[in-house]
Amino acid sequence: MTDFTPGGMPFYLLIAGVAVLVVLARRIRIIGTLLTIGLVGVVAALLVPLARERARSDPDFERIVTALNLRGPEQQVVGTEMRVPMARDGHFWVKVRIGGAERRMLVDSGATVTAMSQRSAEAAGLELESPVFPVVLQTANGSIRAMTATAPELRIGNIVARDVPIVVSPAFGDMDVLGMNFLSRLKSWRVEGRTLILQPHHPQAVG
């Protein structure tokens, strides 16, 4: 008959077996916890860039991203210069205040004129005009017709431009672009590494 009384060999084997099972159970729980943490990290790494991208064109989503502190490096004024870090998508985006609205706009030196979606233009309170001769723009998706407007003031940090011509079209979707008709007003602009540097002629107080 097997002896499970204290002092017998089977008793110690039983104790050792229980101890091994306890250790394994703890390790399994730890492994499960680590896997869960790793999975959450992977999901976050995938969702954060998507959230930032959505926030560029959706003001409501932008407020959520800002509240959760999910933004990457932001533009900042250094001396008299505005420094803009490159985004994950390889482009430069700036936070622009036009009228009563604030928008994130793509800086595009290949665009002749600044362009805004109709939603952004209306939020900024711009007066849209339909010119006698329609404005036809050539885009990657073909020709589109656009309305025109003038932004009384366009502010990016310490940079202020006034009476900036803008083209507006529903065909732009949610994309807002800062074109050469703004960049050409600066004292200088350049790209150093992964940073866009904008230098105004007469820097203004940051507001």
N, C-alpha and C. Protein backbone atom coordinates (compact mmCIF):
# COMPACT_ATOMS: atom_id res chain seq x y z
N MET A 1 0.85 -1.19 0.00
CA MET A 1 0.00 0.00 0.00
C MET A 1 0.89 1.24 0.00
N THR A 2 0.53 2.20 -0.83
CA THR A 2 1.35 3.40 -0.96
C THR A 2 1.25 4.23 0.31
N ASP A 3 2.40 4.70 0.80
CA ASP A 3 2.44 5.46 2.05
C ASP A 3 2.46 6.95 1.75
N PHE A 4 1.33 7.64 2.04
CA PHE A 4 1.25 9.09 1.83
C PHE A 4 1.36 9.85 3.15
N THR A 5 1.81 9.13 4.21
CA THR A 5 1.98 9.80 5.49
C THR A 5 3.25 10.60 5.48
N PRO A 6 3.34 11.69 6.28
CA PRO A 6 4.55 12.50 6.33
C PRO A 6 5.77 11.65 6.62
N GLY A 7 6.80 11.86 5.88
CA GLY A 7 8.05 11.12 6.04
C GLY A 7 8.21 10.05 4.99
N GLY A 8 7.12 9.62 4.35
CA GLY A 8 7.23 8.63 3.30
C GLY A 8 7.64 9.26 1.98
N MET A 9 8.35 8.50 1.13
CA MET A 9 8.83 9.02 -0.16
C MET A 9 7.69 9.47 -1.05
N PRO A 10 6.59 8.70 -1.21
CA PRO A 10 5.48 9.16 -2.05
C PRO A 10 4.90 10.49 -1.57
N PHE A 11 4.94 10.71 -0.26
CA PHE A 11 4.42 11.97 0.28
C PHE A 11 5.23 13.15 -0.25
N TYR A 12 6.57 13.02 -0.21
CA TYR A 12 7.43 14.10 -0.69
C TYR A 12 7.28 14.30 -2.20
N LEU A 13 7.08 13.17 -2.92
CA LEU A 13 6.86 13.29 -4.37
C LEU A 13 5.56 14.04 -4.65
N LEU A 14 4.55 13.76 -3.83
CA LEU A 14 3.27 14.44 -3.99
C LEU A 14 3.42 15.95 -3.75
N ILE A 15 4.16 16.30 -2.68
CA ILE A 15 4.39 17.71 -2.37
C ILE A 15 5.16 18.38 -3.51
N ALA A 16 6.18 17.68 -4.02
CA ALA A 16 6.98 18.24 -5.11
C ALA A 16 6.12 18.43 -6.36
N GLY A 17 5.22 17.46 -6.63
CA GLY A 17 4.35 17.57 -7.80
C GLY A 17 3.41 18.75 -7.69
N VAL A 18 2.85 18.95 -6.48
CA VAL A 18 1.96 20.09 -6.26
C VAL A 18 2.72 21.40 -6.46
N ALA A 19 3.95 21.45 -5.93
CA ALA A 19 4.77 22.66 -6.07
C ALA A 19 5.04 22.97 -7.54
N VAL A 20 5.36 21.92 -8.31
CA VAL A 20 5.61 22.11 -9.74
C VAL A 20 4.37 22.63 -10.45
N LEU A 21 3.22 22.07 -10.10
CA LEU A 21 1.97 22.52 -10.71
C LEU A 21 1.67 23.98 -10.37
N VAL A 22 1.94 24.37 -9.13
CA VAL A 22 1.72 25.76 -8.72
C VAL A 22 2.62 26.70 -9.51
N VAL A 23 3.90 26.32 -9.65
CA VAL A 23 4.85 27.15 -10.41
C VAL A 23 4.42 27.27 -11.86
N LEU A 24 4.02 26.13 -12.46
CA LEU A 24 3.58 26.15 -13.86
C LEU A 24 2.34 27.01 -14.03
N ALA A 25 1.41 26.90 -13.08
CA ALA A 25 0.19 27.69 -13.18
C ALA A 25 0.50 29.18 -13.12
N ARG A 26 1.44 29.54 -12.24
CA ARG A 26 1.82 30.95 -12.14
C ARG A 26 2.49 31.42 -13.41
N ARG A 27 3.35 30.56 -13.96
CA ARG A 27 4.05 30.95 -15.19
C ARG A 27 3.07 31.10 -16.34
N ILE A 28 2.08 30.22 -16.39
CA ILE A 28 1.08 30.31 -17.46
C ILE A 28 0.31 31.62 -17.34
N ARG A 29 -0.01 32.00 -16.09
CA ARG A 29 -0.72 33.27 -15.89
C ARG A 29 0.15 34.44 -16.30
N ILE A 30 1.45 34.36 -15.94
CA ILE A 30 2.38 35.43 -16.31
C ILE A 30 2.52 35.52 -17.82
N ILE A 31 2.65 34.34 -18.47
CA ILE A 31 2.77 34.32 -19.93
C ILE A 31 1.52 34.91 -20.58
N GLY A 32 0.36 34.51 -20.01
CA GLY A 32 -0.89 35.05 -20.55
C GLY A 32 -0.98 36.55 -20.40
N THR A 33 -0.53 37.03 -19.24
CA THR A 33 -0.52 38.48 -19.01
C THR A 33 0.41 39.19 -19.98
N LEU A 34 1.61 38.62 -20.16
CA LEU A 34 2.58 39.21 -21.08
C LEU A 34 2.05 39.22 -22.51
N LEU A 35 1.39 38.13 -22.91
CA LEU A 35 0.82 38.07 -24.25
C LEU A 35 -0.27 39.13 -24.42
N THR A 36 -1.08 39.30 -23.38
CA THR A 36 -2.13 40.32 -23.44
C THR A 36 -1.54 41.72 -23.57
N ILE A 37 -0.51 41.99 -22.76
CA ILE A 37 0.15 43.30 -22.83
C ILE A 37 0.76 43.52 -24.21
N GLY A 38 1.41 42.46 -24.73
CA GLY A 38 2.01 42.57 -26.06
C GLY A 38 0.97 42.82 -27.14
N LEU A 39 -0.17 42.14 -27.03
CA LEU A 39 -1.24 42.31 -28.02
C LEU A 39 -1.80 43.73 -27.95
N VAL A 40 -2.00 44.24 -26.74
CA VAL A 40 -2.48 45.62 -26.59
C VAL A 40 -1.50 46.60 -27.19
N GLY A 41 -0.20 46.34 -26.98
CA GLY A 41 0.83 47.22 -27.55
C GLY A 41 0.80 47.23 -29.06
N VAL A 42 0.63 46.04 -29.66
CA VAL A 42 0.58 45.95 -31.12
C VAL A 42 -0.64 46.69 -31.66
N VAL A 43 -1.79 46.49 -31.02
CA VAL A 43 -3.02 47.17 -31.45
C VAL A 43 -2.86 48.68 -31.34
N ALA A 44 -2.27 49.13 -30.23
CA ALA A 44 -2.07 50.57 -30.04
C ALA A 44 -1.14 51.13 -31.10
N ALA A 45 -0.07 50.37 -31.41
CA ALA A 45 0.88 50.83 -32.42
C ALA A 45 0.23 50.97 -33.79
N LEU A 46 -0.80 50.16 -34.05
CA LEU A 46 -1.50 50.23 -35.33
C LEU A 46 -2.57 51.33 -35.33
N LEU A 47 -3.24 51.50 -34.19
CA LEU A 47 -4.36 52.44 -34.14
C LEU A 47 -3.94 53.89 -33.98
N VAL A 48 -2.86 54.15 -33.25
CA VAL A 48 -2.45 55.54 -33.00
C VAL A 48 -2.16 56.29 -34.29
N PRO A 49 -1.36 55.73 -35.24
CA PRO A 49 -1.15 56.45 -36.50
C PRO A 49 -2.44 56.69 -37.27
N LEU A 50 -3.37 55.71 -37.23
CA LEU A 50 -4.65 55.88 -37.92
C LEU A 50 -5.46 56.99 -37.25
N ALA A 51 -5.40 57.06 -35.93
CA ALA A 51 -6.12 58.11 -35.21
C ALA A 51 -5.56 59.48 -35.56
N ARG A 52 -4.23 59.58 -35.64
CA ARG A 52 -3.61 60.86 -35.99
C ARG A 52 -4.00 61.28 -37.40
N GLU A 53 -4.04 60.31 -38.31
CA GLU A 53 -4.40 60.61 -39.70
C GLU A 53 -5.83 61.10 -39.79
N ARG A 54 -6.74 60.43 -39.07
CA ARG A 54 -8.15 60.83 -39.08
C ARG A 54 -8.32 62.22 -38.47
N ALA A 55 -7.52 62.52 -37.45
CA ALA A 55 -7.66 63.81 -36.75
C ALA A 55 -7.31 64.98 -37.64
N ARG A 56 -6.49 64.76 -38.67
CA ARG A 56 -6.09 65.87 -39.54
C ARG A 56 -7.28 66.45 -40.29
N SER A 57 -8.28 65.62 -40.56
CA SER A 57 -9.40 66.08 -41.36
C SER A 57 -10.72 66.10 -40.60
N ASP A 58 -10.72 65.63 -39.37
CA ASP A 58 -11.95 65.57 -38.58
C ASP A 58 -11.75 66.34 -37.27
N PRO A 59 -12.30 67.56 -37.16
CA PRO A 59 -12.10 68.37 -35.96
C PRO A 59 -12.56 67.67 -34.68
N ASP A 60 -13.68 66.93 -34.75
CA ASP A 60 -14.17 66.24 -33.57
C ASP A 60 -13.19 65.16 -33.13
N PHE A 61 -12.67 64.42 -34.09
CA PHE A 61 -11.70 63.37 -33.79
C PHE A 61 -10.40 63.99 -33.30
N GLU A 62 -10.07 65.15 -33.83
CA GLU A 62 -8.84 65.84 -33.42
C GLU A 62 -8.89 66.19 -31.93
N ARG A 63 -10.06 66.61 -31.46
CA ARG A 63 -10.20 66.94 -30.04
C ARG A 63 -9.98 65.70 -29.17
N ILE A 64 -10.47 64.56 -29.65
CA ILE A 64 -10.29 63.31 -28.90
C ILE A 64 -8.82 62.93 -28.84
N VAL A 65 -8.14 63.01 -29.99
CA VAL A 65 -6.72 62.67 -30.05
C VAL A 65 -5.91 63.59 -29.16
N THR A 66 -6.25 64.88 -29.17
CA THR A 66 -5.53 65.84 -28.33
C THR A 66 -5.77 65.56 -26.86
N ALA A 67 -7.02 65.25 -26.49
CA ALA A 67 -7.36 64.97 -25.10
C ALA A 67 -6.63 63.73 -24.58
N LEU A 68 -6.44 62.74 -25.46
CA LEU A 68 -5.75 61.50 -25.07
C LEU A 68 -4.23 61.61 -25.22
N ASN A 69 -3.77 62.78 -25.66
CA ASN A 69 -2.33 63.03 -25.83
C ASN A 69 -1.69 62.00 -26.77
N LEU A 70 -2.34 61.76 -27.91
CA LEU A 70 -1.84 60.78 -28.87
C LEU A 70 -1.07 61.43 -30.01
N ARG A 71 -0.91 62.73 -29.96
CA ARG A 71 -0.22 63.40 -31.05
C ARG A 71 1.27 63.13 -31.00
N GLY A 72 1.87 63.17 -32.19
CA GLY A 72 3.32 63.06 -32.27
C GLY A 72 3.94 64.43 -32.02
N PRO A 73 5.20 64.61 -32.38
CA PRO A 73 5.86 65.91 -32.21
C PRO A 73 5.09 67.01 -32.93
N GLU A 74 4.94 68.15 -32.27
CA GLU A 74 4.18 69.25 -32.84
C GLU A 74 5.11 70.35 -33.33
N GLN A 75 4.56 71.22 -34.15
CA GLN A 75 5.31 72.39 -34.60
C GLN A 75 5.64 73.28 -33.41
N GLN A 76 6.76 73.96 -33.47
CA GLN A 76 7.13 74.85 -32.38
C GLN A 76 7.95 76.03 -32.90
N VAL A 77 7.84 77.14 -32.19
CA VAL A 77 8.59 78.34 -32.54
C VAL A 77 9.93 78.29 -31.82
N VAL A 78 11.02 78.41 -32.59
CA VAL A 78 12.37 78.45 -32.04
C VAL A 78 13.02 79.74 -32.53
N GLY A 79 13.18 80.70 -31.63
CA GLY A 79 13.69 82.00 -32.05
C GLY A 79 12.66 82.69 -32.93
N THR A 80 13.06 82.99 -34.15
CA THR A 80 12.12 83.61 -35.11
C THR A 80 11.59 82.59 -36.11
N GLU A 81 11.96 81.33 -35.94
CA GLU A 81 11.60 80.30 -36.92
C GLU A 81 10.49 79.40 -36.40
N MET A 82 9.69 78.91 -37.33
CA MET A 82 8.71 77.88 -37.03
C MET A 82 9.29 76.55 -37.52
N ARG A 83 9.41 75.58 -36.62
CA ARG A 83 9.96 74.27 -36.97
C ARG A 83 8.85 73.23 -36.95
N VAL A 84 8.75 72.50 -38.04
CA VAL A 84 7.68 71.52 -38.20
C VAL A 84 8.30 70.14 -38.43
N PRO A 85 8.11 69.19 -37.52
CA PRO A 85 8.67 67.84 -37.71
C PRO A 85 7.90 67.07 -38.77
N MET A 86 8.60 66.21 -39.48
CA MET A 86 7.96 65.37 -40.49
C MET A 86 7.04 64.35 -39.82
N ALA A 87 5.87 64.17 -40.39
CA ALA A 87 4.92 63.20 -39.86
C ALA A 87 5.31 61.79 -40.31
N ARG A 88 4.64 60.80 -39.74
CA ARG A 88 4.92 59.41 -40.08
C ARG A 88 4.68 59.10 -41.55
N ASP A 89 3.78 59.88 -42.18
CA ASP A 89 3.47 59.63 -43.59
C ASP A 89 4.49 60.27 -44.52
N GLY A 90 5.53 60.91 -43.96
CA GLY A 90 6.57 61.51 -44.78
C GLY A 90 6.26 62.92 -45.24
N HIS A 91 5.16 63.50 -44.76
CA HIS A 91 4.77 64.85 -45.15
C HIS A 91 4.88 65.80 -43.95
N PHE A 92 4.75 67.08 -44.25
CA PHE A 92 4.76 68.09 -43.21
C PHE A 92 3.36 68.67 -43.06
N TRP A 93 2.84 68.61 -41.83
CA TRP A 93 1.51 69.13 -41.53
C TRP A 93 1.64 70.25 -40.51
N VAL A 94 0.91 71.33 -40.73
CA VAL A 94 0.96 72.46 -39.80
C VAL A 94 -0.43 72.78 -39.27
N LYS A 95 -0.47 73.27 -38.05
CA LYS A 95 -1.72 73.68 -37.45
C LYS A 95 -1.94 75.14 -37.82
N VAL A 96 -3.01 75.40 -38.56
CA VAL A 96 -3.28 76.73 -39.11
C VAL A 96 -4.59 77.28 -38.55
N ARG A 97 -4.58 78.55 -38.16
CA ARG A 97 -5.82 79.20 -37.74
C ARG A 97 -6.26 80.15 -38.83
N ILE A 98 -7.46 79.91 -39.35
CA ILE A 98 -8.04 80.76 -40.38
C ILE A 98 -9.41 81.19 -39.89
N GLY A 99 -9.59 82.49 -39.71
CA GLY A 99 -10.86 82.97 -39.19
C GLY A 99 -11.14 82.36 -37.83
N GLY A 100 -12.30 81.74 -37.70
CA GLY A 100 -12.66 81.14 -36.42
C GLY A 100 -12.37 79.66 -36.34
N ALA A 101 -11.61 79.14 -37.26
CA ALA A 101 -11.35 77.70 -37.28
C ALA A 101 -9.86 77.39 -37.24
N GLU A 102 -9.54 76.24 -36.69
CA GLU A 102 -8.16 75.76 -36.69
C GLU A 102 -8.12 74.44 -37.45
N ARG A 103 -7.22 74.35 -38.40
CA ARG A 103 -7.12 73.16 -39.24
C ARG A 103 -5.67 72.70 -39.34
N ARG A 104 -5.49 71.41 -39.56
CA ARG A 104 -4.17 70.87 -39.87
C ARG A 104 -4.08 70.79 -41.39
N MET A 105 -3.08 71.47 -41.95
CA MET A 105 -2.96 71.56 -43.40
C MET A 105 -1.64 70.96 -43.87
N LEU A 106 -1.71 70.32 -45.01
CA LEU A 106 -0.52 69.74 -45.64
C LEU A 106 0.27 70.83 -46.34
N VAL A 107 1.56 70.92 -46.04
CA VAL A 107 2.42 71.88 -46.73
C VAL A 107 2.88 71.23 -48.04
N ASP A 108 2.51 71.84 -49.16
CA ASP A 108 2.79 71.26 -50.47
C ASP A 108 3.39 72.32 -51.39
N SER A 109 4.71 72.26 -51.58
CA SER A 109 5.37 73.23 -52.45
C SER A 109 5.04 72.99 -53.92
N GLY A 110 4.40 71.86 -54.21
CA GLY A 110 3.99 71.58 -55.58
C GLY A 110 2.64 72.16 -55.92
N ALA A 111 1.95 72.69 -54.91
CA ALA A 111 0.64 73.31 -55.14
C ALA A 111 0.83 74.81 -55.34
N THR A 112 0.32 75.33 -56.44
CA THR A 112 0.48 76.76 -56.74
C THR A 112 -0.27 77.63 -55.75
N VAL A 113 -1.45 77.19 -55.37
CA VAL A 113 -2.32 78.01 -54.51
C VAL A 113 -2.80 77.19 -53.32
N THR A 114 -3.11 77.87 -52.24
CA THR A 114 -3.65 77.22 -51.05
C THR A 114 -5.07 76.74 -51.34
N ALA A 115 -5.38 75.54 -50.90
CA ALA A 115 -6.68 74.94 -51.20
C ALA A 115 -7.32 74.40 -49.93
N MET A 116 -8.64 74.55 -49.85
CA MET A 116 -9.36 74.07 -48.68
C MET A 116 -10.62 73.33 -49.10
N SER A 117 -11.01 72.38 -48.26
CA SER A 117 -12.28 71.70 -48.48
C SER A 117 -13.40 72.69 -48.19
N GLN A 118 -14.56 72.40 -48.73
CA GLN A 118 -15.70 73.31 -48.51
C GLN A 118 -16.08 73.34 -47.04
N ARG A 119 -15.96 72.21 -46.38
CA ARG A 119 -16.29 72.15 -44.95
C ARG A 119 -15.37 73.06 -44.14
N SER A 120 -14.07 73.01 -44.44
CA SER A 120 -13.11 73.85 -43.70
C SER A 120 -13.33 75.33 -43.99
N ALA A 121 -13.61 75.64 -45.26
CA ALA A 121 -13.83 77.04 -45.65
C ALA A 121 -15.06 77.60 -44.93
N GLU A 122 -16.10 76.82 -44.85
CA GLU A 122 -17.32 77.27 -44.16
C GLU A 122 -17.07 77.43 -42.67
N ALA A 123 -16.29 76.50 -42.08
CA ALA A 123 -15.98 76.59 -40.65
C ALA A 123 -15.15 77.83 -40.36
N ALA A 124 -14.31 78.24 -41.32
CA ALA A 124 -13.47 79.42 -41.15
C ALA A 124 -14.23 80.71 -41.42
N GLY A 125 -15.46 80.58 -41.91
CA GLY A 125 -16.27 81.77 -42.18
C GLY A 125 -15.86 82.50 -43.44
N LEU A 126 -15.24 81.81 -44.39
CA LEU A 126 -14.81 82.45 -45.63
C LEU A 126 -16.00 82.67 -46.55
N GLU A 127 -16.00 83.77 -47.26
CA GLU A 127 -17.04 84.06 -48.24
C GLU A 127 -16.63 83.47 -49.58
N LEU A 128 -17.38 82.49 -50.02
CA LEU A 128 -17.05 81.80 -51.27
C LEU A 128 -17.59 82.59 -52.46
N GLU A 129 -16.80 82.64 -53.50
CA GLU A 129 -17.18 83.36 -54.72
C GLU A 129 -17.12 82.40 -55.90
N SER A 130 -18.11 82.53 -56.76
CA SER A 130 -18.10 81.77 -58.01
C SER A 130 -17.70 82.72 -59.13
N PRO A 131 -16.46 82.66 -59.59
CA PRO A 131 -15.99 83.61 -60.60
C PRO A 131 -16.74 83.46 -61.92
N VAL A 132 -16.76 84.55 -62.69
CA VAL A 132 -17.42 84.54 -64.00
C VAL A 132 -16.82 83.45 -64.87
N PHE A 133 -15.50 83.38 -64.87
CA PHE A 133 -14.82 82.31 -65.59
C PHE A 133 -14.41 81.25 -64.57
N PRO A 134 -14.99 80.07 -64.65
CA PRO A 134 -14.75 79.05 -63.64
C PRO A 134 -13.27 78.69 -63.52
N VAL A 135 -12.86 78.45 -62.27
CA VAL A 135 -11.49 78.02 -62.00
C VAL A 135 -11.44 76.51 -62.18
N VAL A 136 -10.59 76.06 -63.07
CA VAL A 136 -10.44 74.63 -63.33
C VAL A 136 -9.04 74.21 -62.88
N LEU A 137 -8.99 73.25 -61.99
CA LEU A 137 -7.71 72.78 -61.45
C LEU A 137 -7.41 71.39 -61.96
N GLN A 138 -6.14 71.15 -62.23
CA GLN A 138 -5.71 69.82 -62.64
C GLN A 138 -5.17 69.07 -61.42
N THR A 139 -5.77 67.95 -61.12
CA THR A 139 -5.34 67.14 -59.98
C THR A 139 -4.96 65.75 -60.47
N ALA A 140 -4.49 64.93 -59.55
CA ALA A 140 -4.12 63.56 -59.90
C ALA A 140 -5.33 62.76 -60.37
N ASN A 141 -6.52 63.19 -59.96
CA ASN A 141 -7.75 62.50 -60.34
C ASN A 141 -8.48 63.17 -61.50
N GLY A 142 -7.81 64.12 -62.16
CA GLY A 142 -8.41 64.80 -63.30
C GLY A 142 -8.72 66.25 -63.01
N SER A 143 -9.55 66.85 -63.85
CA SER A 143 -9.89 68.27 -63.72
C SER A 143 -11.08 68.45 -62.78
N ILE A 144 -11.00 69.48 -61.94
CA ILE A 144 -12.12 69.80 -61.06
C ILE A 144 -12.37 71.31 -61.10
N ARG A 145 -13.60 71.70 -60.84
CA ARG A 145 -13.95 73.12 -60.77
C ARG A 145 -13.91 73.56 -59.31
N ALA A 146 -13.48 74.79 -59.12
CA ALA A 146 -13.34 75.29 -57.75
C ALA A 146 -13.88 76.70 -57.63
N MET A 147 -14.31 77.04 -56.44
CA MET A 147 -14.69 78.40 -56.11
C MET A 147 -13.47 79.11 -55.52
N THR A 148 -13.57 80.39 -55.35
CA THR A 148 -12.46 81.14 -54.77
C THR A 148 -12.90 81.85 -53.50
N ALA A 149 -11.92 82.17 -52.68
CA ALA A 149 -12.17 82.91 -51.44
C ALA A 149 -10.87 83.60 -51.04
N THR A 150 -10.98 84.52 -50.12
CA THR A 150 -9.80 85.21 -49.60
C THR A 150 -9.81 85.11 -48.08
N ALA A 151 -8.73 84.59 -47.52
CA ALA A 151 -8.61 84.50 -46.07
C ALA A 151 -8.05 85.82 -45.54
N PRO A 152 -8.83 86.57 -44.76
CA PRO A 152 -8.33 87.85 -44.23
C PRO A 152 -7.04 87.69 -43.43
N GLU A 153 -6.96 86.58 -42.69
CA GLU A 153 -5.75 86.32 -41.91
C GLU A 153 -5.53 84.82 -41.77
N LEU A 154 -4.30 84.41 -41.98
CA LEU A 154 -3.91 83.01 -41.85
C LEU A 154 -2.72 82.98 -40.90
N ARG A 155 -2.88 82.27 -39.79
CA ARG A 155 -1.84 82.30 -38.75
C ARG A 155 -1.31 80.89 -38.47
N ILE A 156 0.03 80.79 -38.44
CA ILE A 156 0.71 79.55 -38.06
C ILE A 156 1.75 79.93 -37.01
N GLY A 157 1.42 79.77 -35.74
CA GLY A 157 2.37 80.14 -34.70
C GLY A 157 2.71 81.61 -34.76
N ASN A 158 3.99 81.91 -35.03
CA ASN A 158 4.43 83.31 -35.09
C ASN A 158 4.38 83.89 -36.51
N ILE A 159 3.76 83.15 -37.43
CA ILE A 159 3.66 83.58 -38.82
C ILE A 159 2.24 84.03 -39.12
N VAL A 160 2.11 85.21 -39.67
CA VAL A 160 0.79 85.73 -40.05
C VAL A 160 0.83 86.20 -41.50
N ALA A 161 -0.11 85.71 -42.29
CA ALA A 161 -0.26 86.17 -43.68
C ALA A 161 -1.68 86.70 -43.83
N ARG A 162 -1.82 87.80 -44.55
CA ARG A 162 -3.14 88.42 -44.70
C ARG A 162 -3.57 88.45 -46.16
N ASP A 163 -4.89 88.40 -46.33
CA ASP A 163 -5.49 88.44 -47.67
C ASP A 163 -4.89 87.37 -48.58
N VAL A 164 -5.00 86.13 -48.12
CA VAL A 164 -4.44 84.99 -48.86
C VAL A 164 -5.51 84.40 -49.78
N PRO A 165 -5.28 84.38 -51.10
CA PRO A 165 -6.23 83.76 -52.02
C PRO A 165 -6.29 82.24 -51.79
N ILE A 166 -7.50 81.71 -51.83
CA ILE A 166 -7.71 80.29 -51.58
C ILE A 166 -8.71 79.75 -52.59
N VAL A 167 -8.49 78.52 -53.03
CA VAL A 167 -9.48 77.85 -53.88
C VAL A 167 -10.20 76.81 -53.01
N VAL A 168 -11.49 76.66 -53.27
CA VAL A 168 -12.33 75.79 -52.45
C VAL A 168 -13.15 74.89 -53.36
N SER A 169 -13.21 73.62 -53.00
CA SER A 169 -14.02 72.69 -53.79
C SER A 169 -14.42 71.49 -52.95
N PRO A 170 -15.66 71.00 -53.12
CA PRO A 170 -16.07 69.78 -52.43
C PRO A 170 -15.23 68.59 -52.88
N ALA A 171 -14.65 68.69 -54.08
CA ALA A 171 -13.85 67.59 -54.61
C ALA A 171 -12.58 67.35 -53.81
N PHE A 172 -12.19 68.31 -52.97
CA PHE A 172 -10.99 68.13 -52.15
C PHE A 172 -11.23 67.17 -51.00
N GLY A 173 -12.49 66.82 -50.78
CA GLY A 173 -12.80 65.93 -49.65
C GLY A 173 -12.52 66.64 -48.34
N ASP A 174 -11.70 66.03 -47.50
CA ASP A 174 -11.32 66.65 -46.22
C ASP A 174 -9.89 67.16 -46.24
N MET A 175 -9.29 67.26 -47.41
CA MET A 175 -7.89 67.67 -47.53
C MET A 175 -7.77 69.19 -47.62
N ASP A 176 -6.91 69.76 -46.79
CA ASP A 176 -6.58 71.19 -46.84
C ASP A 176 -5.08 71.31 -47.11
N VAL A 177 -4.72 72.16 -48.08
CA VAL A 177 -3.33 72.25 -48.53
C VAL A 177 -2.82 73.68 -48.47
N LEU A 178 -1.64 73.84 -47.93
CA LEU A 178 -0.97 75.14 -47.88
C LEU A 178 0.01 75.20 -49.05
N GLY A 179 -0.29 76.07 -50.01
CA GLY A 179 0.48 76.09 -51.26
C GLY A 179 1.54 77.18 -51.33
N MET A 180 2.11 77.33 -52.54
CA MET A 180 3.21 78.26 -52.76
C MET A 180 2.79 79.72 -52.60
N ASN A 181 1.50 80.04 -52.79
CA ASN A 181 1.11 81.44 -52.63
C ASN A 181 1.20 81.87 -51.16
N PHE A 182 1.35 80.91 -50.25
CA PHE A 182 1.66 81.24 -48.86
C PHE A 182 3.17 81.17 -48.63
N LEU A 183 3.80 80.09 -49.06
CA LEU A 183 5.24 79.91 -48.82
C LEU A 183 6.07 81.04 -49.42
N SER A 184 5.62 81.56 -50.57
CA SER A 184 6.39 82.63 -51.24
C SER A 184 6.36 83.94 -50.46
N ARG A 185 5.48 84.06 -49.48
CA ARG A 185 5.42 85.27 -48.67
C ARG A 185 6.43 85.25 -47.51
N LEU A 186 7.02 84.11 -47.27
CA LEU A 186 7.96 83.99 -46.17
C LEU A 186 9.32 84.55 -46.54
N LYS A 187 10.10 84.89 -45.54
CA LYS A 187 11.47 85.32 -45.77
C LYS A 187 12.27 84.15 -46.35
N SER A 188 12.01 82.95 -45.80
CA SER A 188 12.64 81.74 -46.32
C SER A 188 11.92 80.51 -45.80
N TRP A 189 12.08 79.42 -46.49
CA TRP A 189 11.61 78.13 -46.00
C TRP A 189 12.54 77.06 -46.55
N ARG A 190 12.78 76.02 -45.77
CA ARG A 190 13.72 74.97 -46.17
C ARG A 190 13.45 73.71 -45.35
N VAL A 191 14.01 72.63 -45.84
CA VAL A 191 13.90 71.36 -45.13
C VAL A 191 15.30 70.93 -44.70
N GLU A 192 15.46 70.68 -43.42
CA GLU A 192 16.72 70.18 -42.88
C GLU A 192 16.45 68.83 -42.24
N GLY A 193 16.93 67.78 -42.89
CA GLY A 193 16.66 66.44 -42.38
C GLY A 193 15.18 66.13 -42.41
N ARG A 194 14.59 65.94 -41.24
CA ARG A 194 13.17 65.64 -41.13
C ARG A 194 12.39 66.81 -40.53
N THR A 195 12.93 68.02 -40.72
CA THR A 195 12.29 69.21 -40.16
C THR A 195 12.10 70.28 -41.23
N LEU A 196 10.88 70.81 -41.32
CA LEU A 196 10.59 71.94 -42.19
C LEU A 196 10.75 73.21 -41.37
N ILE A 197 11.51 74.15 -41.90
CA ILE A 197 11.77 75.40 -41.18
C ILE A 197 11.17 76.56 -41.96
N LEU A 198 10.25 77.27 -41.33
CA LEU A 198 9.59 78.43 -41.93
C LEU A 198 10.05 79.69 -41.20
N GLN A 199 10.52 80.67 -41.95
CA GLN A 199 10.97 81.92 -41.33
C GLN A 199 10.23 83.10 -41.95
N PRO A 200 9.44 83.80 -41.14
CA PRO A 200 8.67 84.94 -41.65
C PRO A 200 9.54 86.19 -41.75
N HIS A 201 9.06 87.17 -42.53
CA HIS A 201 9.76 88.45 -42.60
C HIS A 201 9.64 89.20 -41.27
N HIS A 202 8.41 89.18 -40.73
CA HIS A 202 8.16 89.92 -39.49
C HIS A 202 7.40 89.00 -38.54
N PRO A 203 8.12 88.23 -37.70
CA PRO A 203 7.45 87.31 -36.77
C PRO A 203 6.47 88.05 -35.86
N GLN A 204 5.34 87.38 -35.60
CA GLN A 204 4.32 87.95 -34.72
C GLN A 204 4.31 87.18 -33.40
N ALA A 205 3.65 87.75 -32.43
CA ALA A 205 3.51 87.05 -31.15
C ALA A 205 2.70 85.79 -31.37
N VAL A 206 3.10 84.71 -30.71
CA VAL A 206 2.38 83.45 -30.85
C VAL A 206 1.07 83.55 -30.09
N GLY A 207 -0.04 83.27 -30.78
CA GLY A 207 -1.34 83.37 -30.13
C GLY A 207 -2.21 82.18 -30.43
